[in-house]
Amino acid sequence: MTPSYHKLTLHNSFTRKKERFKPIEAAHVRVYYCGPTVYDAVHIGNLRAMLSADILVRLLRRLYPRVTYVRNITDVDDKITARAAENGESIAELTARTAAMFHADVAELEIAPPDIEPRATHHIGEMLEMIASLIASNHAYIAEGHVLFSVADFPSYGALSGRSPEDLLAGARVEVAPYKRHPGDFVLWKPSAADQPGWDSPYGFGRPGWHIECSAMSRRYLGESFDIHGGGDDLLFPHHENERAQSLCCAPSSRFANYWLHNAMLLSNGEKMSKSLGNFYAVRDVLAKAPAEALRLLMLGTHYRAVLDFSWERLAEAKNTLDRFYRALEAYQGIDLPEAPVAPAVMEALCDDLNTAQALAHMHHDATRALGGDRQAAASLKASGSLLGLLKSDPDQWFGRQDADPDVTRLVAERSAAKAARDFARADAIRDQLHEMGIILEDSAQGTVWRRA
């Protein structure tokens, strides 16, 4: 039974307000997030949606008996075709290599895999079934080998993004083609040349449009109506708007997604991240300079709906925060901590539209108490960190003591013995010796711990 303070609220992009979350099935929550298009290494901006989904699903698994989380892989796309040709490799080789890179990157960030990870190329049949249904209901039409969705025949088109079709068209990157009835009509199926990926269909040899892919995969694994659909706010239009339109036209009595969650963009030193500005960072490039856990904490330090500004200085601050958390746990190594649930204040923050920044603030309170000798606070800090995908290492690993340097261990023990014998001159000399070795000592009521500078 969900405790009374676990009243989850989420900001629904469709209604533009926070709402109490009520799943379609009381004991089963179904979630779909748009995954990567696998043509290159993911950058840290791409990672933000994956991390937002990870926190959401971690929380849902604490609150509900069953969660089905689906995150797709787009492995047929014109960007993929172009990059494979540029690299002189096959599409299969490119997508296999970049998908493996993606999986390695998210695993290093402690982003758990989805329950189901469908690939677009494995669901062409489901896409063609939906396209046929849209044609039969006069929501789509065939023109010059293309199948297009007719936006004029779906009255609530634009309701998700909150703009009129005219406004949407003015800001959209749409292909103005003579065979379209309306410039905003979007492609469900398009013809493929011999050197492009394609499949046989009633409309000729071709390939799907991007939007129909996610509609078909979410429908296949979550049903016509499911609970939560999420992704970056750059997908709100046209991708999610078009998904919603075609899905509801295929199943008019459905809701498609009851709640829409969108995370804000990531900046770099106050500017939009882009390759042309030289401020574009692949995940693996950042992880070569900082621990993965520090990058995770940096992102969790800003609410998912607020713009996040990445800088190396902020990454260093996140590392310092983790240093403090691990120092709070360090004195309790080898000590059986009491069983502790996630702190109620942390749960309340996360249940308030995934407020990770507020949750981290409460973890600082527990760290302060743990540093003062409160074992219960240390246990609570560890439990809260586990829910947020943090504090997975032991302090020795975090502070680079995997080698358990015997010389350092011996000198620390000698210093402790000297202090106990009130030989403070000898204790100070050992501290100075350790300092020259790059070792920092920290004394507390629980004893002395050390870390490398």
Foldseek 3Di string as FASTA:
>chain_A
DADPLLQFWAQFLLVRGIDGADWPDNAEAEEEEEAEAQQDFAFVQQCLQLLLVQLVVLLVVVGHVYYAYEYEYELADVSLLVSCVVVVHDSVVRRVVRVVNHVVLCVLLVRDDGPYYYYLVVQVVLLQVLLVLCVVLVQWDDFPLWIWGDPVVQVCQCSSVVDDPVVLVVPDDFDQDPRDPDRPIDTQWHADDPSGDFDQDPSGTTDGDPQSSSLSVCCVPPNLEGEEYEEAPVCSPPRVSVSQRSSCSSPVVYRNYPGYYHFYGEAEPPHHDDVVVVRIGRSVNVCVPARSQLSLQQSLLDQRNDYHYDYVVSSVVSLVLLLLLLVLLQLCVVPDFDAAAAPSQLSSCCSHNHNSNSNVVVLVVLSVVSLQPDSRSNNNNCNSQVSSVHPPDHSCVSLVNPVVPPVVVVLQVVLVVCVVVVVVVSNVVSCVVVVVVQKDWDQGPSGIDIGGD
